[in-house]
């Protein structure tokens, strides 16, 4: 199993817009990626911080996620609301 924790900072005043688009991505991933076992967005403790928690069956499922049309198109729509690049921690089950 592989996992990822992606922490994203959003611009002040953009939280609701970001979250609406992020929830679209969550729905698309969960509906269209059988190799993704878990994909959810959370609001972080720090202001303006959101965290995606992801879990994949294998490397192929991770690559399929990154290559998917919904990840590219919906993910691009989140960009204007973000305050920089995401911080991604990639994990491999021990």
N, C-alpha and C. Protein backbone atom coordinates (compact mmCIF):
# COMPACT_ATOMS: atom_id res chain seq x y z
N UNK A 1 0.83 -1.18 0.00
CA UNK A 1 0.00 0.00 0.00
C UNK A 1 0.87 1.24 0.00
N UNK A 2 0.39 2.23 -0.70
CA UNK A 2 1.04 3.54 -0.73
C UNK A 2 0.05 4.58 -0.22
N UNK A 3 0.57 5.62 0.37
CA UNK A 3 -0.29 6.68 0.87
C UNK A 3 0.38 8.02 0.61
N UNK A 4 -0.42 9.05 0.70
CA UNK A 4 0.11 10.41 0.58
C UNK A 4 -0.70 11.32 1.49
N UNK A 5 0.00 12.29 2.04
CA UNK A 5 -0.64 13.34 2.82
C UNK A 5 -0.21 14.65 2.17
N UNK A 6 -1.17 15.35 1.58
CA UNK A 6 -0.87 16.60 0.88
C UNK A 6 -1.46 17.75 1.67
N UNK A 7 -0.59 18.62 2.15
CA UNK A 7 -1.02 19.79 2.92
C UNK A 7 -0.99 21.00 2.01
N UNK A 8 -2.13 21.71 1.96
CA UNK A 8 -2.28 22.86 1.09
C UNK A 8 -2.68 24.08 1.89
N UNK A 9 -2.07 25.20 1.58
CA UNK A 9 -2.44 26.48 2.16
C UNK A 9 -3.26 27.23 1.12
N UNK A 10 -4.32 27.87 1.56
CA UNK A 10 -5.15 28.64 0.64
C UNK A 10 -5.07 30.12 0.99
N UNK A 11 -5.41 30.93 0.01
CA UNK A 11 -5.41 32.38 0.21
C UNK A 11 -6.56 32.77 1.12
N UNK A 12 -6.32 33.78 1.93
CA UNK A 12 -7.36 34.26 2.83
C UNK A 12 -8.59 34.69 2.03
N UNK A 13 -9.75 34.28 2.50
CA UNK A 13 -11.00 34.60 1.82
C UNK A 13 -11.39 33.61 0.74
N UNK A 14 -10.53 32.63 0.47
CA UNK A 14 -10.78 31.66 -0.60
C UNK A 14 -11.15 30.27 -0.07
N UNK A 15 -11.30 30.14 1.24
CA UNK A 15 -11.50 28.82 1.82
C UNK A 15 -12.73 28.11 1.27
N UNK A 16 -13.85 28.79 1.21
CA UNK A 16 -15.08 28.15 0.75
C UNK A 16 -15.00 27.75 -0.72
N UNK A 17 -14.43 28.64 -1.55
CA UNK A 17 -14.29 28.33 -2.98
C UNK A 17 -13.35 27.14 -3.18
N UNK A 18 -12.22 27.16 -2.45
CA UNK A 18 -11.28 26.04 -2.55
C UNK A 18 -11.95 24.74 -2.14
N UNK A 19 -12.62 24.76 -1.01
CA UNK A 19 -13.23 23.55 -0.49
C UNK A 19 -14.29 23.00 -1.42
N UNK A 20 -15.05 23.85 -2.07
CA UNK A 20 -16.07 23.39 -3.02
C UNK A 20 -15.43 22.62 -4.17
N UNK A 21 -14.33 23.15 -4.71
CA UNK A 21 -13.64 22.48 -5.81
C UNK A 21 -12.95 21.21 -5.30
N UNK A 22 -12.34 21.27 -4.13
CA UNK A 22 -11.67 20.10 -3.56
C UNK A 22 -12.66 18.95 -3.35
N UNK A 23 -13.86 19.27 -2.92
CA UNK A 23 -14.87 18.22 -2.73
C UNK A 23 -15.31 17.61 -4.06
N UNK A 24 -15.29 18.40 -5.14
CA UNK A 24 -15.55 17.84 -6.47
C UNK A 24 -14.48 16.82 -6.83
N UNK A 25 -13.23 17.16 -6.52
CA UNK A 25 -12.13 16.24 -6.80
C UNK A 25 -12.27 14.97 -5.99
N UNK A 26 -12.59 15.10 -4.72
CA UNK A 26 -12.78 13.92 -3.86
C UNK A 26 -13.86 13.01 -4.46
N UNK A 27 -14.97 13.58 -4.87
CA UNK A 27 -16.06 12.78 -5.45
C UNK A 27 -15.62 12.10 -6.73
N UNK A 28 -14.89 12.81 -7.59
CA UNK A 28 -14.44 12.24 -8.86
C UNK A 28 -13.44 11.10 -8.63
N UNK A 29 -12.51 11.30 -7.71
CA UNK A 29 -11.52 10.25 -7.42
C UNK A 29 -12.22 9.01 -6.87
N UNK A 30 -13.09 9.20 -5.90
CA UNK A 30 -13.76 8.05 -5.28
C UNK A 30 -14.69 7.33 -6.25
N UNK A 31 -15.24 8.03 -7.24
CA UNK A 31 -16.14 7.41 -8.21
C UNK A 31 -15.42 6.73 -9.36
N UNK A 32 -14.18 7.16 -9.65
CA UNK A 32 -13.53 6.73 -10.89
C UNK A 32 -12.18 6.04 -10.75
N UNK A 33 -11.69 5.88 -9.54
CA UNK A 33 -10.37 5.29 -9.36
C UNK A 33 -10.45 4.06 -8.46
N UNK A 34 -10.65 2.88 -9.05
CA UNK A 34 -10.77 1.67 -8.23
C UNK A 34 -9.51 1.34 -7.44
N UNK A 35 -8.35 1.80 -7.89
CA UNK A 35 -7.10 1.54 -7.17
C UNK A 35 -6.86 2.46 -6.00
N UNK A 36 -7.71 3.47 -5.87
CA UNK A 36 -7.61 4.39 -4.73
C UNK A 36 -8.54 3.88 -3.64
N UNK A 37 -7.98 3.52 -2.52
CA UNK A 37 -8.77 2.96 -1.43
C UNK A 37 -9.34 4.02 -0.50
N UNK A 38 -8.72 5.20 -0.49
CA UNK A 38 -9.19 6.26 0.41
C UNK A 38 -8.72 7.58 -0.14
N UNK A 39 -9.62 8.55 -0.21
CA UNK A 39 -9.27 9.89 -0.69
C UNK A 39 -10.23 10.87 -0.05
N UNK A 40 -9.71 11.74 0.81
CA UNK A 40 -10.59 12.65 1.55
C UNK A 40 -9.87 13.96 1.81
N UNK A 41 -10.63 15.02 1.94
CA UNK A 41 -10.09 16.34 2.27
C UNK A 41 -10.49 16.68 3.71
N UNK A 42 -9.56 17.27 4.44
CA UNK A 42 -9.80 17.68 5.82
C UNK A 42 -9.35 19.12 6.00
N UNK A 43 -9.96 19.80 6.91
CA UNK A 43 -9.52 21.13 7.29
C UNK A 43 -8.47 20.95 8.39
N UNK A 44 -7.33 21.61 8.23
CA UNK A 44 -6.25 21.49 9.21
C UNK A 44 -6.48 22.38 10.41
N UNK A 45 -5.70 22.15 11.46
CA UNK A 45 -5.76 22.97 12.67
C UNK A 45 -5.31 24.41 12.41
N UNK A 46 -4.32 24.57 11.55
CA UNK A 46 -3.82 25.90 11.25
C UNK A 46 -4.78 26.62 10.31
N UNK A 47 -4.95 27.91 10.48
CA UNK A 47 -5.84 28.66 9.59
C UNK A 47 -5.39 28.53 8.13
N UNK A 48 -6.36 28.48 7.25
CA UNK A 48 -6.12 28.45 5.81
C UNK A 48 -5.41 27.19 5.34
N UNK A 49 -5.48 26.11 6.11
CA UNK A 49 -4.79 24.87 5.78
C UNK A 49 -5.79 23.74 5.56
N UNK A 50 -5.58 23.00 4.47
CA UNK A 50 -6.39 21.82 4.17
C UNK A 50 -5.44 20.66 3.89
N UNK A 51 -5.91 19.44 4.16
CA UNK A 51 -5.07 18.26 4.02
C UNK A 51 -5.84 17.19 3.26
N UNK A 52 -5.24 16.70 2.17
CA UNK A 52 -5.76 15.52 1.48
C UNK A 52 -5.06 14.31 2.07
N UNK A 53 -5.83 13.29 2.44
CA UNK A 53 -5.26 12.03 2.86
C UNK A 53 -5.66 11.00 1.82
N UNK A 54 -4.66 10.29 1.28
CA UNK A 54 -4.87 9.40 0.15
C UNK A 54 -4.23 8.04 0.42
N UNK A 55 -4.87 6.99 -0.10
CA UNK A 55 -4.31 5.65 0.04
C UNK A 55 -4.56 4.88 -1.26
N UNK A 56 -3.50 4.26 -1.78
CA UNK A 56 -3.57 3.56 -3.06
C UNK A 56 -3.10 2.12 -2.92
N UNK A 57 -3.66 1.26 -3.77
CA UNK A 57 -3.28 -0.17 -3.75
C UNK A 57 -1.81 -0.38 -4.11
N UNK A 58 -1.32 0.39 -5.10
CA UNK A 58 0.03 0.18 -5.60
C UNK A 58 0.49 1.41 -6.38
N UNK A 59 1.70 1.34 -6.91
CA UNK A 59 2.26 2.46 -7.65
C UNK A 59 1.44 2.76 -8.91
N UNK A 60 0.94 1.74 -9.56
CA UNK A 60 0.12 1.95 -10.76
C UNK A 60 -1.13 2.77 -10.45
N UNK A 61 -1.74 2.52 -9.31
CA UNK A 61 -2.93 3.28 -8.92
C UNK A 61 -2.58 4.74 -8.63
N UNK A 62 -1.41 4.95 -8.03
CA UNK A 62 -0.94 6.31 -7.77
C UNK A 62 -0.71 7.05 -9.08
N UNK A 63 -0.07 6.39 -10.01
CA UNK A 63 0.19 7.00 -11.32
C UNK A 63 -1.11 7.25 -12.08
N UNK A 64 -2.06 6.34 -11.98
CA UNK A 64 -3.35 6.53 -12.64
C UNK A 64 -4.06 7.76 -12.06
N UNK A 65 -3.93 7.96 -10.77
CA UNK A 65 -4.53 9.14 -10.14
C UNK A 65 -3.93 10.41 -10.72
N UNK A 66 -2.63 10.49 -10.74
CA UNK A 66 -1.95 11.69 -11.24
C UNK A 66 -2.21 11.95 -12.72
N UNK A 67 -2.45 10.89 -13.48
CA UNK A 67 -2.68 11.02 -14.92
C UNK A 67 -4.15 11.23 -15.29
N UNK A 68 -5.05 11.10 -14.33
CA UNK A 68 -6.48 11.16 -14.63
C UNK A 68 -6.90 12.57 -15.09
N UNK A 69 -7.87 12.60 -15.97
CA UNK A 69 -8.40 13.89 -16.45
C UNK A 69 -8.98 14.70 -15.30
N UNK A 70 -9.70 14.02 -14.40
CA UNK A 70 -10.33 14.77 -13.31
C UNK A 70 -9.28 15.39 -12.37
N UNK A 71 -8.19 14.69 -12.13
CA UNK A 71 -7.13 15.26 -11.29
C UNK A 71 -6.54 16.49 -11.96
N UNK A 72 -6.29 16.39 -13.26
CA UNK A 72 -5.69 17.51 -13.98
C UNK A 72 -6.65 18.69 -14.09
N UNK A 73 -7.88 18.46 -14.47
CA UNK A 73 -8.80 19.57 -14.71
C UNK A 73 -9.34 20.17 -13.41
N UNK A 74 -9.80 19.32 -12.51
CA UNK A 74 -10.34 19.85 -11.24
C UNK A 74 -9.20 20.39 -10.39
N UNK A 75 -8.08 19.69 -10.40
CA UNK A 75 -6.91 20.17 -9.65
C UNK A 75 -6.47 21.55 -10.12
N UNK A 76 -6.50 21.79 -11.42
CA UNK A 76 -6.12 23.09 -11.96
C UNK A 76 -7.08 24.19 -11.49
N UNK A 77 -8.32 23.84 -11.29
CA UNK A 77 -9.30 24.82 -10.80
C UNK A 77 -9.05 25.22 -9.35
N UNK A 78 -8.35 24.39 -8.60
CA UNK A 78 -8.01 24.74 -7.21
C UNK A 78 -6.87 25.74 -7.15
N UNK A 79 -6.02 25.75 -8.18
CA UNK A 79 -4.82 26.57 -8.21
C UNK A 79 -5.00 28.04 -7.83
N UNK A 80 -5.99 28.73 -8.40
CA UNK A 80 -6.13 30.15 -8.08
C UNK A 80 -6.43 30.44 -6.61
N UNK A 81 -6.91 29.44 -5.89
CA UNK A 81 -7.25 29.64 -4.48
C UNK A 81 -6.09 29.29 -3.54
N UNK A 82 -5.05 28.69 -4.09
CA UNK A 82 -3.95 28.21 -3.27
C UNK A 82 -2.87 29.27 -3.07
N UNK A 83 -2.24 29.23 -1.91
CA UNK A 83 -1.16 30.15 -1.56
C UNK A 83 0.17 29.40 -1.64
N UNK A 84 0.50 28.92 -2.82
CA UNK A 84 1.74 28.17 -3.01
C UNK A 84 1.49 26.71 -3.35
N UNK A 85 2.58 26.02 -3.54
CA UNK A 85 2.52 24.61 -3.91
C UNK A 85 2.19 23.75 -2.69
N UNK A 86 1.54 22.61 -2.92
CA UNK A 86 1.25 21.72 -1.79
C UNK A 86 2.52 21.08 -1.25
N UNK A 87 2.49 20.73 0.01
CA UNK A 87 3.56 19.97 0.65
C UNK A 87 3.07 18.53 0.71
N UNK A 88 3.74 17.63 -0.03
CA UNK A 88 3.25 16.25 -0.14
C UNK A 88 4.23 15.31 0.56
N UNK A 89 3.69 14.53 1.48
CA UNK A 89 4.46 13.48 2.15
C UNK A 89 3.98 12.16 1.56
N UNK A 90 4.90 11.43 0.93
CA UNK A 90 4.55 10.14 0.33
C UNK A 90 4.99 9.02 1.29
N UNK A 91 4.12 8.04 1.45
CA UNK A 91 4.36 6.98 2.44
C UNK A 91 4.21 5.62 1.80
N UNK A 92 4.98 4.66 2.28
CA UNK A 92 4.88 3.27 1.86
C UNK A 92 4.62 2.43 3.10
N UNK A 93 3.61 1.57 3.01
CA UNK A 93 3.27 0.74 4.17
C UNK A 93 4.44 -0.14 4.56
N UNK A 94 4.72 -0.20 5.84
CA UNK A 94 5.85 -0.98 6.35
C UNK A 94 5.44 -2.41 6.62
